Amino acid sequence: CAGAGTGATVAKALGLERALKGGIGCAAEKTAS
């Protein structure tokens, strides 16, 4: 719950009243080189 993810929500097929909190996340990958 930071920055652009502060008010984010997910899983809203049954409406916002059944949703869960979203957010902002990061991850990285690296090549062998």
PDB file of all heavy atoms in Angstrom:
ATOM      1  N   CYS A   1       0.841  -1.206   0.000  1.00  0.00           N
ATOM      2  CA  CYS A   1       0.000   0.000   0.000  1.00  0.00           C
ATOM      3  C   CYS A   1       0.872   1.251   0.000  1.00  0.00           C
ATOM      4  O   CYS A   1       0.987   1.948   1.014  1.00  0.00           O
ATOM      5  CB  CYS A   1      -0.936  -0.011   1.195  1.00  0.00           C
ATOM      6  SG  CYS A   1      -2.087  -1.393   1.174  1.00  0.00           S
ATOM      7  N   ALA A   2       1.497   1.517  -1.120  1.00  0.00           N
ATOM      8  CA  ALA A   2       2.372   2.677  -1.274  1.00  0.00           C
ATOM      9  C   ALA A   2       2.216   3.230  -2.679  1.00  0.00           C
ATOM     10  O   ALA A   2       1.888   2.498  -3.619  1.00  0.00           O
ATOM     11  CB  ALA A   2       3.831   2.290  -1.018  1.00  0.00           C
ATOM     12  N   GLY A   3       2.428   4.529  -2.815  1.00  0.00           N
ATOM     13  CA  GLY A   3       2.386   5.152  -4.129  1.00  0.00           C
ATOM     14  C   GLY A   3       1.120   4.830  -4.888  1.00  0.00           C
ATOM     15  O   GLY A   3       0.008   4.878  -4.354  1.00  0.00           O
ATOM     16  N   ALA A   4       1.286   4.486  -6.163  1.00  0.00           N
ATOM     17  CA  ALA A   4       0.135   4.212  -7.021  1.00  0.00           C
ATOM     18  C   ALA A   4      -0.675   3.013  -6.559  1.00  0.00           C
ATOM     19  O   ALA A   4      -1.826   2.844  -6.970  1.00  0.00           O
ATOM     20  CB  ALA A   4       0.604   4.001  -8.460  1.00  0.00           C
ATOM     21  N   GLY A   5      -0.108   2.179  -5.707  1.00  0.00           N
ATOM     22  CA  GLY A   5      -0.817   1.007  -5.220  1.00  0.00           C
ATOM     23  C   GLY A   5      -1.612   1.230  -3.956  1.00  0.00           C
ATOM     24  O   GLY A   5      -2.275   0.304  -3.469  1.00  0.00           O
ATOM     25  N   THR A   6      -1.602   2.447  -3.424  1.00  0.00           N
ATOM     26  CA  THR A   6      -2.224   2.700  -2.123  1.00  0.00           C
ATOM     27  C   THR A   6      -3.700   2.337  -2.102  1.00  0.00           C
ATOM     28  O   THR A   6      -4.189   1.679  -1.176  1.00  0.00           O
ATOM     29  CB  THR A   6      -2.054   4.179  -1.721  1.00  0.00           C
ATOM     30  OG1 THR A   6      -0.665   4.515  -1.743  1.00  0.00           O
ATOM     31  CG2 THR A   6      -2.609   4.429  -0.321  1.00  0.00           C
ATOM     32  N   GLY A   7      -4.462   2.768  -3.091  1.00  0.00           N
ATOM     33  CA  GLY A   7      -5.897   2.510  -3.116  1.00  0.00           C
ATOM     34  C   GLY A   7      -6.306   1.369  -4.024  1.00  0.00           C
ATOM     35  O   GLY A   7      -7.495   1.216  -4.328  1.00  0.00           O
ATOM     36  N   ALA A   8      -5.343   0.559  -4.444  1.00  0.00           N
ATOM     37  CA  ALA A   8      -5.629  -0.517  -5.389  1.00  0.00           C
ATOM     38  C   ALA A   8      -6.382  -1.668  -4.724  1.00  0.00           C
ATOM     39  O   ALA A   8      -6.174  -1.986  -3.552  1.00  0.00           O
ATOM     40  CB  ALA A   8      -4.325  -1.038  -5.992  1.00  0.00           C
ATOM     41  N   THR A   9      -7.259  -2.301  -5.500  1.00  0.00           N
ATOM     42  CA  THR A   9      -7.997  -3.482  -5.055  1.00  0.00           C
ATOM     43  C   THR A   9      -7.976  -4.527  -6.162  1.00  0.00           C
ATOM     44  O   THR A   9      -7.751  -4.204  -7.333  1.00  0.00           O
ATOM     45  CB  THR A   9      -9.457  -3.133  -4.701  1.00  0.00           C
ATOM     46  OG1 THR A   9     -10.034  -2.383  -5.787  1.00  0.00           O
ATOM     47  CG2 THR A   9      -9.529  -2.294  -3.432  1.00  0.00           C
ATOM     48  N   VAL A  10      -8.237  -5.794  -5.797  1.00  0.00           N
ATOM     49  CA  VAL A  10      -8.215  -6.881  -6.780  1.00  0.00           C
ATOM     50  C   VAL A  10      -9.403  -7.809  -6.547  1.00  0.00           C
ATOM     51  O   VAL A  10     -10.080  -7.734  -5.530  1.00  0.00           O
ATOM     52  CB  VAL A  10      -6.900  -7.695  -6.701  1.00  0.00           C
ATOM     53  CG1 VAL A  10      -5.691  -6.802  -6.951  1.00  0.00           C
ATOM     54  CG2 VAL A  10      -6.765  -8.403  -5.340  1.00  0.00           C
ATOM     55  N   ALA A  11      -9.636  -8.697  -7.519  1.00  0.00           N
ATOM     56  CA  ALA A  11     -10.629  -9.771  -7.400  1.00  0.00           C
ATOM     57  C   ALA A  11     -12.047  -9.224  -7.198  1.00  0.00           C
ATOM     58  O   ALA A  11     -12.686  -9.451  -6.184  1.00  0.00           O
ATOM     59  CB  ALA A  11     -10.247 -10.712  -6.263  1.00  0.00           C
ATOM     60  N   LYS A  12     -12.556  -8.502  -8.200  1.00  0.00           N
ATOM     61  CA  LYS A  12     -13.823  -7.788  -8.061  1.00  0.00           C
ATOM     62  C   LYS A  12     -14.976  -8.386  -8.857  1.00  0.00           C
ATOM     63  O   LYS A  12     -15.961  -7.712  -9.156  1.00  0.00           O
ATOM     64  CB  LYS A  12     -13.602  -6.319  -8.421  1.00  0.00           C
ATOM     65  CG  LYS A  12     -12.844  -5.570  -7.326  1.00  0.00           C
ATOM     66  CD  LYS A  12     -12.325  -4.229  -7.777  1.00  0.00           C
ATOM     67  CE  LYS A  12     -11.026  -4.361  -8.517  1.00  0.00           C
ATOM     68  NZ  LYS A  12     -10.282  -3.106  -8.646  1.00  0.00           N
ATOM     69  N   ALA A  13     -14.903  -9.682  -9.182  1.00  0.00           N
ATOM     70  CA  ALA A  13     -15.972 -10.309  -9.953  1.00  0.00           C
ATOM     71  C   ALA A  13     -17.283 -10.359  -9.185  1.00  0.00           C
ATOM     72  O   ALA A  13     -18.361 -10.449  -9.794  1.00  0.00           O
ATOM     73  CB  ALA A  13     -15.569 -11.723 -10.373  1.00  0.00           C
ATOM     74  N   LEU A  14     -17.238 -10.311  -7.853  1.00  0.00           N
ATOM     75  CA  LEU A  14     -18.452 -10.296  -7.032  1.00  0.00           C
ATOM     76  C   LEU A  14     -18.676  -8.937  -6.393  1.00  0.00           C
ATOM     77  O   LEU A  14     -19.404  -8.811  -5.403  1.00  0.00           O
ATOM     78  CB  LEU A  14     -18.361 -11.385  -5.951  1.00  0.00           C
ATOM     79  CG  LEU A  14     -18.354 -12.825  -6.476  1.00  0.00           C
ATOM     80  CD1 LEU A  14     -18.179 -13.811  -5.336  1.00  0.00           C
ATOM     81  CD2 LEU A  14     -19.641 -13.122  -7.247  1.00  0.00           C
ATOM     82  N   GLY A  15     -18.063  -7.908  -6.971  1.00  0.00           N
ATOM     83  CA  GLY A  15     -18.234  -6.552  -6.468  1.00  0.00           C
ATOM     84  C   GLY A  15     -17.139  -6.151  -5.499  1.00  0.00           C
ATOM     85  O   GLY A  15     -16.412  -6.981  -4.961  1.00  0.00           O
ATOM     86  N   LEU A  16     -17.039  -4.855  -5.272  1.00  0.00           N
ATOM     87  CA  LEU A  16     -15.994  -4.328  -4.401  1.00  0.00           C
ATOM     88  C   LEU A  16     -16.147  -4.832  -2.970  1.00  0.00           C
ATOM     89  O   LEU A  16     -15.157  -4.998  -2.254  1.00  0.00           O
ATOM     90  CB  LEU A  16     -16.022  -2.795  -4.434  1.00  0.00           C
ATOM     91  CG  LEU A  16     -14.876  -2.087  -3.702  1.00  0.00           C
ATOM     92  CD1 LEU A  16     -13.530  -2.433  -4.337  1.00  0.00           C
ATOM     93  CD2 LEU A  16     -15.087  -0.570  -3.717  1.00  0.00           C
ATOM     94  N   GLU A  17     -17.388  -5.104  -2.562  1.00  0.00           N
ATOM     95  CA  GLU A  17     -17.613  -5.563  -1.186  1.00  0.00           C
ATOM     96  C   GLU A  17     -17.025  -6.951  -0.937  1.00  0.00           C
ATOM     97  O   GLU A  17     -16.897  -7.379   0.209  1.00  0.00           O
ATOM     98  CB  GLU A  17     -19.103  -5.569  -0.860  1.00  0.00           C
ATOM     99  CG  GLU A  17     -19.935  -6.527  -1.669  1.00  0.00           C
ATOM    100  CD  GLU A  17     -20.400  -5.965  -3.003  1.00  0.00           C
ATOM    101  OE1 GLU A  17     -19.881  -4.896  -3.415  1.00  0.00           O
ATOM    102  OE2 GLU A  17     -21.275  -6.589  -3.633  1.00  0.00           O
ATOM    103  N   ARG A  18     -16.618  -7.657  -1.984  1.00  0.00           N
ATOM    104  CA  ARG A  18     -16.005  -8.982  -1.835  1.00  0.00           C
ATOM    105  C   ARG A  18     -14.555  -8.971  -2.329  1.00  0.00           C
ATOM    106  O   ARG A  18     -13.943 -10.035  -2.477  1.00  0.00           O
ATOM    107  CB  ARG A  18     -16.814 -10.019  -2.622  1.00  0.00           C
ATOM    108  CG  ARG A  18     -18.283 -10.086  -2.250  1.00  0.00           C
ATOM    109  CD  ARG A  18     -18.548 -10.903  -1.026  1.00  0.00           C
ATOM    110  NE  ARG A  18     -18.429 -12.322  -1.301  1.00  0.00           N
ATOM    111  CZ  ARG A  18     -19.399 -13.084  -1.831  1.00  0.00           C
ATOM    112  NH1 ARG A  18     -20.570 -12.538  -2.141  1.00  0.00           N
ATOM    113  NH2 ARG A  18     -19.215 -14.379  -2.016  1.00  0.00           N
ATOM    114  N   ALA A  19     -14.014  -7.785  -2.590  1.00  0.00           N
ATOM    115  CA  ALA A  19     -12.656  -7.654  -3.133  1.00  0.00           C
ATOM    116  C   ALA A  19     -11.612  -7.761  -2.026  1.00  0.00           C
ATOM    117  O   ALA A  19     -11.914  -7.791  -0.834  1.00  0.00           O
ATOM    118  CB  ALA A  19     -12.510  -6.319  -3.863  1.00  0.00           C
ATOM    119  N   LEU A  20     -10.347  -7.795  -2.447  1.00  0.00           N
ATOM    120  CA  LEU A  20      -9.205  -7.781  -1.539  1.00  0.00           C
ATOM    121  C   LEU A  20      -8.263  -6.666  -1.950  1.00  0.00           C
ATOM    122  O   LEU A  20      -8.366  -6.096  -3.032  1.00  0.00           O
ATOM    123  CB  LEU A  20      -8.482  -9.129  -1.561  1.00  0.00           C
ATOM    124  CG  LEU A  20      -9.232 -10.291  -0.900  1.00  0.00           C
ATOM    125  CD1 LEU A  20      -8.571 -11.610  -1.252  1.00  0.00           C
ATOM    126  CD2 LEU A  20      -9.294 -10.116   0.608  1.00  0.00           C
ATOM    127  N   LYS A  21      -7.333  -6.360  -1.072  1.00  0.00           N
ATOM    128  CA  LYS A  21      -6.432  -5.234  -1.300  1.00  0.00           C
ATOM    129  C   LYS A  21      -5.376  -5.560  -2.349  1.00  0.00           C
ATOM    130  O   LYS A  21      -4.746  -6.614  -2.309  1.00  0.00           O
ATOM    131  CB  LYS A  21      -5.759  -4.857   0.024  1.00  0.00           C
ATOM    132  CG  LYS A  21      -5.063  -3.520   0.003  1.00  0.00           C
ATOM    133  CD  LYS A  21      -6.060  -2.376  -0.086  1.00  0.00           C
ATOM    134  CE  LYS A  21      -5.317  -1.067  -0.277  1.00  0.00           C
ATOM    135  NZ  LYS A  21      -4.608  -0.995  -1.565  1.00  0.00           N
ATOM    136  N   GLY A  22      -5.193  -4.641  -3.273  1.00  0.00           N
ATOM    137  CA  GLY A  22      -4.084  -4.705  -4.211  1.00  0.00           C
ATOM    138  C   GLY A  22      -2.930  -3.854  -3.691  1.00  0.00           C
ATOM    139  O   GLY A  22      -2.885  -3.478  -2.521  1.00  0.00           O
ATOM    140  N   GLY A  23      -2.000  -3.516  -4.580  1.00  0.00           N
ATOM    141  CA  GLY A  23      -0.859  -2.711  -4.155  1.00  0.00           C
ATOM    142  C   GLY A  23       0.147  -2.564  -5.272  1.00  0.00           C
ATOM    143  O   GLY A  23      -0.177  -2.755  -6.452  1.00  0.00           O
ATOM    144  N   ILE A  24       1.371  -2.244  -4.906  1.00  0.00           N
ATOM    145  CA  ILE A  24       2.455  -2.108  -5.877  1.00  0.00           C
ATOM    146  C   ILE A  24       3.578  -3.062  -5.481  1.00  0.00           C
ATOM    147  O   ILE A  24       3.856  -3.254  -4.287  1.00  0.00           O
ATOM    148  CB  ILE A  24       2.956  -0.648  -5.956  1.00  0.00           C
ATOM    149  CG1 ILE A  24       3.823  -0.437  -7.200  1.00  0.00           C
ATOM    150  CG2 ILE A  24       3.678  -0.206  -4.673  1.00  0.00           C
ATOM    151  CD1 ILE A  24       4.045   1.029  -7.547  1.00  0.00           C
ATOM    152  N   GLY A  25       4.159  -3.701  -6.472  1.00  0.00           N
ATOM    153  CA  GLY A  25       5.203  -4.682  -6.192  1.00  0.00           C
ATOM    154  C   GLY A  25       6.297  -4.647  -7.240  1.00  0.00           C
ATOM    155  O   GLY A  25       6.112  -4.105  -8.330  1.00  0.00           O
ATOM    156  N   CYS A  26       7.437  -5.231  -6.907  1.00  0.00           N
ATOM    157  CA  CYS A  26       8.558  -5.246  -7.840  1.00  0.00           C
ATOM    158  C   CYS A  26       9.263  -6.594  -7.819  1.00  0.00           C
ATOM    159  O   CYS A  26       9.191  -7.346  -6.847  1.00  0.00           O
ATOM    160  CB  CYS A  26       9.542  -4.114  -7.545  1.00  0.00           C
ATOM    161  SG  CYS A  26      10.055  -3.972  -5.835  1.00  0.00           S
ATOM    162  N   ALA A  27       9.909  -6.903  -8.925  1.00  0.00           N
ATOM    163  CA  ALA A  27      10.680  -8.137  -9.065  1.00  0.00           C
ATOM    164  C   ALA A  27      11.669  -7.928 -10.197  1.00  0.00           C
ATOM    165  O   ALA A  27      11.496  -7.030 -11.038  1.00  0.00           O
ATOM    166  CB  ALA A  27       9.771  -9.327  -9.359  1.00  0.00           C
ATOM    167  N   ALA A  28      12.715  -8.733 -10.227  1.00  0.00           N
ATOM    168  CA  ALA A  28      13.735  -8.591 -11.264  1.00  0.00           C
ATOM    169  C   ALA A  28      14.264  -9.951 -11.680  1.00  0.00           C
ATOM    170  O   ALA A  28      14.210 -10.921 -10.918  1.00  0.00           O
ATOM    171  CB  ALA A  28      14.882  -7.707 -10.772  1.00  0.00           C
ATOM    172  N   GLU A  29      14.755 -10.019 -12.901  1.00  0.00           N
ATOM    173  CA  GLU A  29      15.416 -11.202 -13.445  1.00  0.00           C
ATOM    174  C   GLU A  29      16.730 -10.760 -14.069  1.00  0.00           C
ATOM    175  O   GLU A  29      16.881  -9.603 -14.472  1.00  0.00           O
ATOM    176  CB  GLU A  29      14.543 -11.869 -14.516  1.00  0.00           C
ATOM    177  CG  GLU A  29      13.200 -12.372 -14.015  1.00  0.00           C
ATOM    178  CD  GLU A  29      13.309 -13.628 -13.178  1.00  0.00           C
ATOM    179  OE1 GLU A  29      14.340 -14.335 -13.302  1.00  0.00           O
ATOM    180  OE2 GLU A  29      12.381 -13.915 -12.398  1.00  0.00           O
ATOM    181  N   LYS A  30      17.696 -11.688 -14.156  1.00  0.00           N
ATOM    182  CA  LYS A  30      19.003 -11.359 -14.716  1.00  0.00           C
ATOM    183  C   LYS A  30      19.442 -12.467 -15.657  1.00  0.00           C
ATOM    184  O   LYS A  30      19.260 -13.654 -15.367  1.00  0.00           O
ATOM    185  CB  LYS A  30      20.024 -11.166 -13.595  1.00  0.00           C
ATOM    186  CG  LYS A  30      21.371 -10.664 -14.074  1.00  0.00           C
ATOM    187  CD  LYS A  30      22.244 -10.206 -12.915  1.00  0.00           C
ATOM    188  CE  LYS A  30      21.809  -8.862 -12.380  1.00  0.00           C
ATOM    189  NZ  LYS A  30      22.812  -8.249 -11.485  1.00  0.00           N
ATOM    190  N   THR A  31      20.010 -12.073 -16.796  1.00  0.00           N
ATOM    191  CA  THR A  31      20.535 -13.042 -17.743  1.00  0.00           C
ATOM    192  C   THR A  31      21.872 -13.587 -17.238  1.00  0.00           C
ATOM    193  O   THR A  31      22.502 -13.008 -16.341  1.00  0.00           O
ATOM    194  CB  THR A  31      20.758 -12.407 -19.124  1.00  0.00           C
ATOM    195  OG1 THR A  31      21.865 -11.495 -19.051  1.00  0.00           O
ATOM    196  CG2 THR A  31      19.518 -11.665 -19.603  1.00  0.00           C
ATOM    197  N   ALA A  32      22.313 -14.687 -17.830  1.00  0.00           N
ATOM    198  CA  ALA A  32      23.605 -15.261 -17.454  1.00  0.00           C
ATOM    199  C   ALA A  32      24.747 -14.300 -17.735  1.00  0.00           C
ATOM    200  O   ALA A  32      25.785 -14.338 -17.068  1.00  0.00           O
ATOM    201  CB  ALA A  32      23.819 -16.576 -18.201  1.00  0.00           C
ATOM    202  N   SER A  33      24.544 -13.401 -18.702  1.00  0.00           N
ATOM    203  CA  SER A  33      25.590 -12.428 -19.031  1.00  0.00           C
ATOM    204  C   SER A  33      25.560 -11.201 -18.127  1.00  0.00           C
ATOM    205  O   SER A  33      26.414 -10.326 -18.232  1.00  0.00           O
ATOM    206  CB  SER A  33      25.448 -11.980 -20.494  1.00  0.00           C
ATOM    207  OG  SER A  33      24.209 -11.311 -20.694  1.00  0.00           O
TER     208      SER A  33
END
